[in-house]
Amino acid sequence: MTSQLPTPRHWGAVLTAMVTPFAADGRLDLDAARKLAKWLAAHGSDGLVVAATTGEATVLTDDERLDLVRAVCEAVTVPVVAGMGSNDTAHSIELTRQAQGLGAAGVMAVSPYYSRPPQAGIEAHYRAVAAATRLPVMLYDVPLRTGRRIARDVLLRLFRDVPNIVALKDATGDPPAAAALLAQADFDLYSGDDACTLPLLAVGAVGVVGTTTHWTASLFARMVEAMQRGELAQARAINAQLLPSFDYVNNDDCVYPMAIKALMPVLNVDAGTCRLPLPAAPAGTKERARVVCRELGLV
């Protein structure tokens, strides 16, 4: 590794975790992905995270995942962070190696899910993935999905010892722990939960890897800028505008990709369908989407 590695600050403050469009027959729709990526870049997203959880990465084949990252990288000029993680370390290493030649600006690696390895396994997994690339690496801590939180001492060692592990997408919902971590290590913290972005900005986060940013990126950018200027009242007012979007995007009947794909056609943007096990959005979702868009003045 060298000291010339790019840092996540080049990725921007508002990164959108892009959905992956599938056609009605279930095939990956790369043309729709290119158009969606361009639309997001033109509507406030500083960068895109592709082939991650919101992008339904677990139902993509390896070839599809790589083709998707390549297509999006070719379509936009904003940084693209490739979701190359899985719960299999060897598999994650191979995907990460291949991502380097696709044009990605970085790699996001999720903690191994389902198997719930001990902390020693999580640390070894991340060290092995980072060693497979020269690209900067963003760790993704999302215990609700992985079943295991990354321990603070593990994170500290990774940030201190591994030069290209430079960022954390924090979906733990624990701003006090994030503040303590930032006080002890040099890295860029991104909110991994849209609704937690304001409190995480308050303790030192640089931005968000968002889902509602498919349609609220400009508002998030204004909130980040307000916090950077110390204008807390303004940031709180913007966050209040975002609350209906937070409520809309995820519940037990309609999770993130389903809700996003139901909303984007309201903005005349094709985001495709989902692949099973995610079904079509339930009845009433598009009507809720229209209400959200009207309240934000988007339609």
Protein backbone atom coordinates (compact mmCIF):
# COMPACT_ATOMS: atom_id res chain seq x y z
CA MET A 1 0.00 0.00 0.00
CA THR A 2 1.12 3.58 -0.57
CA SER A 3 0.26 6.95 0.90
CA GLN A 4 -1.24 7.95 -2.46
CA LEU A 5 -4.47 6.02 -1.91
CA PRO A 6 -7.62 8.05 -2.62
CA THR A 7 -9.77 8.83 0.42
CA PRO A 8 -13.54 8.60 0.80
CA ARG A 9 -13.74 12.39 0.89
CA HIS A 10 -13.45 12.15 -2.89
CA TRP A 11 -16.66 10.12 -2.84
CA GLY A 12 -18.76 13.05 -1.58
CA ALA A 13 -21.23 13.54 1.24
CA VAL A 14 -24.37 12.05 -0.32
CA LEU A 15 -23.91 8.56 -1.69
CA THR A 16 -26.96 6.69 -2.94
CA ALA A 17 -27.17 2.93 -2.42
CA MET A 18 -28.66 2.33 -5.85
CA VAL A 19 -31.38 -0.23 -6.51
CA THR A 20 -30.72 -2.79 -9.23
CA PRO A 21 -33.33 -2.75 -12.02
CA PHE A 22 -34.65 -6.11 -13.19
CA ALA A 23 -36.90 -6.54 -16.21
CA ALA A 24 -40.35 -8.11 -16.00
CA ASP A 25 -38.88 -11.46 -17.05
CA GLY A 26 -36.35 -11.32 -14.19
CA ARG A 27 -33.22 -10.54 -16.20
CA LEU A 28 -30.78 -7.86 -15.09
CA ASP A 29 -31.62 -4.67 -17.00
CA LEU A 30 -28.28 -2.96 -17.56
CA ASP A 31 -29.76 -0.30 -19.81
CA ALA A 32 -32.19 0.75 -17.07
CA ALA A 33 -29.31 0.68 -14.56
CA ARG A 34 -27.27 3.06 -16.69
CA LYS A 35 -30.20 5.46 -17.08
CA LEU A 36 -31.01 5.32 -13.36
CA ALA A 37 -27.38 5.97 -12.43
CA LYS A 38 -27.25 9.00 -14.72
CA TRP A 39 -30.51 10.33 -13.27
CA LEU A 40 -29.26 9.96 -9.70
CA ALA A 41 -25.98 11.67 -10.54
CA ALA A 42 -27.91 14.53 -12.15
CA HIS A 43 -30.24 14.89 -9.16
CA GLY A 44 -27.84 15.39 -6.28
CA SER A 45 -26.04 12.12 -5.61
CA ASP A 46 -22.31 12.80 -5.15
CA GLY A 47 -21.59 9.11 -5.66
CA LEU A 48 -23.27 5.72 -6.00
CA VAL A 49 -22.95 2.48 -4.07
CA VAL A 50 -23.78 -0.37 -6.44
CA ALA A 51 -24.54 -4.05 -5.84
CA ALA A 52 -25.05 -3.74 -2.10
CA THR A 53 -28.03 -4.63 0.12
CA THR A 54 -30.45 -2.14 -1.45
CA GLY A 55 -29.16 -3.33 -4.81
CA GLU A 56 -30.29 -6.89 -3.99
CA ALA A 57 -26.72 -8.15 -4.21
CA THR A 58 -27.57 -11.56 -2.74
CA VAL A 59 -29.70 -12.46 -5.78
CA LEU A 60 -27.10 -11.38 -8.35
CA THR A 61 -24.74 -13.89 -9.91
CA ASP A 62 -21.05 -12.95 -9.83
CA ASP A 63 -21.12 -12.11 -13.53
CA GLU A 64 -24.21 -9.95 -13.09
CA ARG A 65 -22.66 -8.11 -10.18
CA LEU A 66 -19.50 -7.34 -12.12
CA ASP A 67 -21.44 -6.39 -15.26
CA LEU A 68 -23.60 -4.04 -13.19
CA VAL A 69 -20.64 -2.27 -11.60
CA ARG A 70 -18.90 -1.94 -14.97
CA ALA A 71 -22.03 -0.55 -16.65
CA VAL A 72 -22.64 2.05 -13.93
CA CYS A 73 -18.98 3.10 -13.85
CA GLU A 74 -19.11 3.67 -17.60
CA ALA A 75 -22.38 5.60 -17.39
CA VAL A 76 -21.47 8.24 -14.80
CA THR A 77 -18.60 10.48 -13.80
CA VAL A 78 -19.39 10.48 -10.07
CA PRO A 79 -17.51 7.96 -7.89
CA VAL A 80 -18.93 4.43 -7.80
CA VAL A 81 -18.33 2.26 -4.74
CA ALA A 82 -18.77 -1.44 -5.53
CA GLY A 83 -20.50 -3.72 -3.05
CA MET A 84 -18.29 -6.78 -3.26
CA GLY A 85 -18.96 -8.38 0.13
CA SER A 86 -20.49 -11.73 1.02
CA ASN A 87 -20.43 -14.08 4.00
CA ASP A 88 -17.72 -16.17 2.31
CA THR A 89 -14.25 -14.66 2.69
CA ALA A 90 -12.73 -16.40 -0.34
CA HIS A 91 -15.70 -15.33 -2.47
CA SER A 92 -15.42 -11.73 -1.21
CA ILE A 93 -11.70 -11.69 -2.01
CA GLU A 94 -12.28 -12.84 -5.56
CA LEU A 95 -15.05 -10.31 -6.19
CA THR A 96 -12.93 -7.54 -4.68
CA ARG A 97 -9.98 -8.41 -6.90
CA GLN A 98 -12.16 -8.23 -9.98
CA ALA A 99 -13.73 -4.92 -8.97
CA GLN A 100 -10.39 -3.18 -9.36
CA GLY A 101 -10.53 -3.35 -13.15
CA LEU A 102 -14.12 -2.14 -13.50
CA GLY A 103 -13.60 1.54 -12.84
CA ALA A 104 -14.85 1.58 -9.25
CA ALA A 105 -13.57 4.31 -6.93
CA GLY A 106 -13.77 2.02 -3.92
CA VAL A 107 -15.17 -1.16 -2.43
CA MET A 108 -17.75 -1.64 0.30
CA ALA A 109 -17.46 -4.84 2.32
CA VAL A 110 -20.24 -6.03 4.61
CA SER A 111 -19.55 -8.14 7.68
CA PRO A 112 -20.10 -11.86 7.13
CA TYR A 113 -23.78 -12.54 7.64
CA TYR A 114 -25.72 -15.59 8.81
CA SER A 115 -22.68 -17.53 10.06
CA ARG A 116 -22.16 -14.94 12.83
CA PRO A 117 -18.39 -15.45 13.19
CA PRO A 118 -16.61 -14.35 16.38
CA GLN A 119 -14.75 -11.05 16.36
CA ALA A 120 -11.48 -12.76 15.40
CA GLY A 121 -13.17 -14.07 12.25
CA ILE A 122 -14.68 -10.69 11.38
CA GLU A 123 -11.29 -9.02 11.73
CA ALA A 124 -9.52 -11.67 9.66
CA HIS A 125 -12.22 -11.42 6.99
CA TYR A 126 -11.81 -7.67 6.61
CA ARG A 127 -8.02 -7.83 6.58
CA ALA A 128 -8.12 -10.45 3.83
CA VAL A 129 -10.58 -8.47 1.71
CA ALA A 130 -8.59 -5.24 2.03
CA ALA A 131 -5.37 -7.05 1.10
CA ALA A 132 -6.99 -8.12 -2.18
CA THR A 133 -7.23 -4.58 -3.59
CA ARG A 134 -5.47 -1.25 -3.92
CA LEU A 135 -8.85 0.49 -3.78
CA PRO A 136 -10.04 2.23 -0.61
CA VAL A 137 -12.39 0.05 1.42
CA MET A 138 -15.52 1.05 3.31
CA LEU A 139 -16.58 -1.32 6.08
CA TYR A 140 -20.29 -1.89 6.55
CA ASP A 141 -21.56 -2.59 10.07
CA VAL A 142 -25.22 -3.60 9.97
CA PRO A 143 -25.88 -5.98 12.88
CA LEU A 144 -29.62 -6.24 12.17
CA ARG A 145 -28.74 -8.10 8.96
CA THR A 146 -25.48 -9.79 9.92
CA GLY A 147 -26.34 -10.88 13.45
CA ARG A 148 -23.04 -9.58 14.82
CA ARG A 149 -21.79 -6.07 15.47
CA ILE A 150 -18.14 -5.23 14.77
CA ALA A 151 -16.44 -4.66 18.12
CA ARG A 152 -14.82 -1.27 18.75
CA ASP A 153 -11.37 -2.74 19.36
CA VAL A 154 -11.59 -4.58 16.02
CA LEU A 155 -12.55 -1.41 14.20
CA LEU A 156 -9.73 0.52 15.85
CA ARG A 157 -7.15 -2.05 14.80
CA LEU A 158 -8.46 -2.15 11.24
CA PHE A 159 -8.42 1.63 10.84
CA ARG A 160 -4.97 1.92 12.42
CA ASP A 161 -3.28 -1.08 10.79
CA VAL A 162 -4.77 -1.36 7.28
CA PRO A 163 -4.00 1.69 5.11
CA ASN A 164 -6.81 1.22 2.60
CA ILE A 165 -9.58 0.62 5.16
CA VAL A 166 -10.65 4.23 5.36
CA ALA A 167 -14.40 4.46 5.98
CA LEU A 168 -17.32 2.96 7.86
CA LYS A 169 -20.96 2.78 6.87
CA ASP A 170 -22.59 2.73 10.29
CA ALA A 171 -26.03 1.14 10.50
CA THR A 172 -25.83 0.30 14.21
CA GLY A 173 -28.11 3.12 15.37
CA ASP A 174 -25.62 4.05 18.10
CA PRO A 175 -24.33 7.65 17.74
CA PRO A 176 -22.54 7.65 21.15
CA ALA A 177 -20.45 4.66 20.07
CA ALA A 178 -19.70 6.36 16.74
CA ALA A 179 -18.54 9.47 18.58
CA ALA A 180 -16.22 7.40 20.79
CA LEU A 181 -14.80 5.62 17.75
CA LEU A 182 -14.17 8.87 15.88
CA ALA A 183 -12.32 10.21 18.91
CA GLN A 184 -9.83 7.35 18.68
CA ALA A 185 -9.32 6.69 14.96
CA ASP A 186 -8.88 8.57 11.68
CA PHE A 187 -11.54 7.45 9.22
CA ASP A 188 -14.64 8.76 7.44
CA LEU A 189 -17.96 7.87 8.99
CA TYR A 190 -21.05 7.56 6.80
CA SER A 191 -24.55 7.09 8.15
CA GLY A 192 -25.95 3.77 7.00
CA ASP A 193 -29.47 4.61 8.15
CA ASP A 194 -31.07 7.68 6.61
CA ALA A 195 -32.99 8.50 9.80
CA CYS A 196 -29.77 8.49 11.86
CA THR A 197 -27.89 10.86 9.57
CA LEU A 198 -28.53 14.04 11.56
CA PRO A 199 -27.31 12.65 14.91
CA LEU A 200 -24.31 11.02 13.23
CA LEU A 201 -23.42 14.30 11.50
CA ALA A 202 -23.53 15.90 14.93
CA VAL A 203 -20.80 13.56 16.20
CA GLY A 204 -18.59 13.84 13.12
CA ALA A 205 -19.98 11.84 10.20
CA VAL A 206 -19.06 13.15 6.74
CA GLY A 207 -22.23 12.05 5.00
CA VAL A 208 -24.72 9.30 4.26
CA VAL A 209 -24.98 6.15 2.19
CA GLY A 210 -28.68 6.58 1.63
CA THR A 211 -31.76 4.89 0.28
CA THR A 212 -34.30 7.72 0.29
CA THR A 213 -31.54 9.72 -1.43
CA HIS A 214 -32.96 8.26 -4.64
CA TRP A 215 -35.32 11.26 -4.41
CA THR A 216 -34.00 13.37 -1.49
CA ALA A 217 -30.28 13.75 -2.31
CA SER A 218 -30.44 17.54 -2.62
CA LEU A 219 -32.11 17.84 0.79
CA PHE A 220 -29.47 15.65 2.39
CA ALA A 221 -26.76 17.78 0.78
CA ARG A 222 -28.32 20.89 2.26
CA MET A 223 -28.54 19.24 5.69
CA VAL A 224 -24.87 18.23 5.58
CA GLU A 225 -23.88 21.74 4.53
CA ALA A 226 -25.98 23.27 7.32
CA MET A 227 -24.29 21.08 9.91
CA GLN A 228 -20.87 21.97 8.53
CA ARG A 229 -21.76 25.66 8.97
CA GLY A 230 -22.97 25.02 12.51
CA GLU A 231 -26.56 25.87 11.62
CA LEU A 232 -28.27 23.22 13.72
CA ALA A 233 -31.75 24.75 13.53
CA GLN A 234 -31.60 24.71 9.73
CA ALA A 235 -30.38 21.11 9.71
CA ARG A 236 -33.20 20.08 12.03
CA ALA A 237 -35.75 21.79 9.80
CA ILE A 238 -34.45 19.91 6.76
CA ASN A 239 -34.50 16.63 8.69
CA ALA A 240 -38.15 17.29 9.54
CA GLN A 241 -38.90 17.54 5.81
CA LEU A 242 -37.28 14.14 5.34
CA LEU A 243 -39.28 12.31 8.00
CA PRO A 244 -42.15 11.18 5.70
CA SER A 245 -39.59 9.62 3.36
CA PHE A 246 -38.02 7.74 6.26
CA ASP A 247 -41.42 6.42 7.27
CA TYR A 248 -42.27 5.43 3.71
CA VAL A 249 -39.18 3.52 2.69
CA ASN A 250 -39.12 0.52 5.04
CA ASN A 251 -41.59 -1.59 7.00
CA ASP A 252 -42.33 -5.28 7.50
CA ASP A 253 -44.51 -5.43 4.38
CA CYS A 254 -42.37 -3.32 2.04
CA VAL A 255 -38.60 -3.17 2.41
CA TYR A 256 -36.20 -0.68 0.81
CA PRO A 257 -35.80 -1.98 -2.78
CA MET A 258 -39.53 -2.60 -3.10
CA ALA A 259 -40.49 0.85 -1.84
CA ILE A 260 -37.87 2.64 -3.94
CA LYS A 261 -38.87 0.81 -7.10
CA ALA A 262 -42.51 1.73 -6.44
CA LEU A 263 -41.67 5.42 -6.02
CA MET A 264 -39.29 6.07 -8.90
CA PRO A 265 -41.94 5.70 -11.65
CA VAL A 266 -43.82 8.55 -9.93
CA LEU A 267 -40.80 10.64 -11.00
CA ASN A 268 -40.90 9.07 -14.48
CA VAL A 269 -37.78 7.02 -13.76
CA ASP A 270 -37.60 3.30 -14.57
CA ALA A 271 -36.16 1.38 -11.62
CA GLY A 272 -37.39 -2.05 -12.74
CA THR A 273 -38.81 -4.80 -10.58
CA CYS A 274 -37.42 -6.86 -7.70
CA ARG A 275 -36.28 -10.48 -7.73
CA LEU A 276 -37.66 -13.04 -5.32
CA PRO A 277 -37.57 -13.36 -2.39
CA LEU A 278 -38.64 -9.71 -2.70
CA PRO A 279 -42.12 -9.56 -4.26
CA ALA A 280 -43.82 -6.61 -5.87
CA ALA A 281 -44.73 -3.77 -3.51
CA PRO A 282 -48.08 -4.28 -1.77
CA ALA A 283 -51.24 -2.48 -2.78
CA GLY A 284 -51.28 1.15 -1.74
CA THR A 285 -47.51 1.65 -1.93
CA LYS A 286 -47.61 3.78 -5.08
CA GLU A 287 -50.31 5.97 -3.55
CA ARG A 288 -48.09 6.48 -0.48
CA ALA A 289 -45.19 7.25 -2.81
CA ARG A 290 -47.19 9.93 -4.59
CA VAL A 291 -48.03 11.56 -1.26
CA VAL A 292 -44.33 11.65 -0.30
CA CYS A 293 -43.38 13.15 -3.65
CA ARG A 294 -46.14 15.76 -3.50
CA GLU A 295 -45.11 16.83 0.02
CA LEU A 296 -41.56 17.37 -1.23
CA GLY A 297 -42.74 19.26 -4.30
CA LEU A 298 -41.31 16.67 -6.67
CA VAL A 299 -44.55 16.22 -8.64
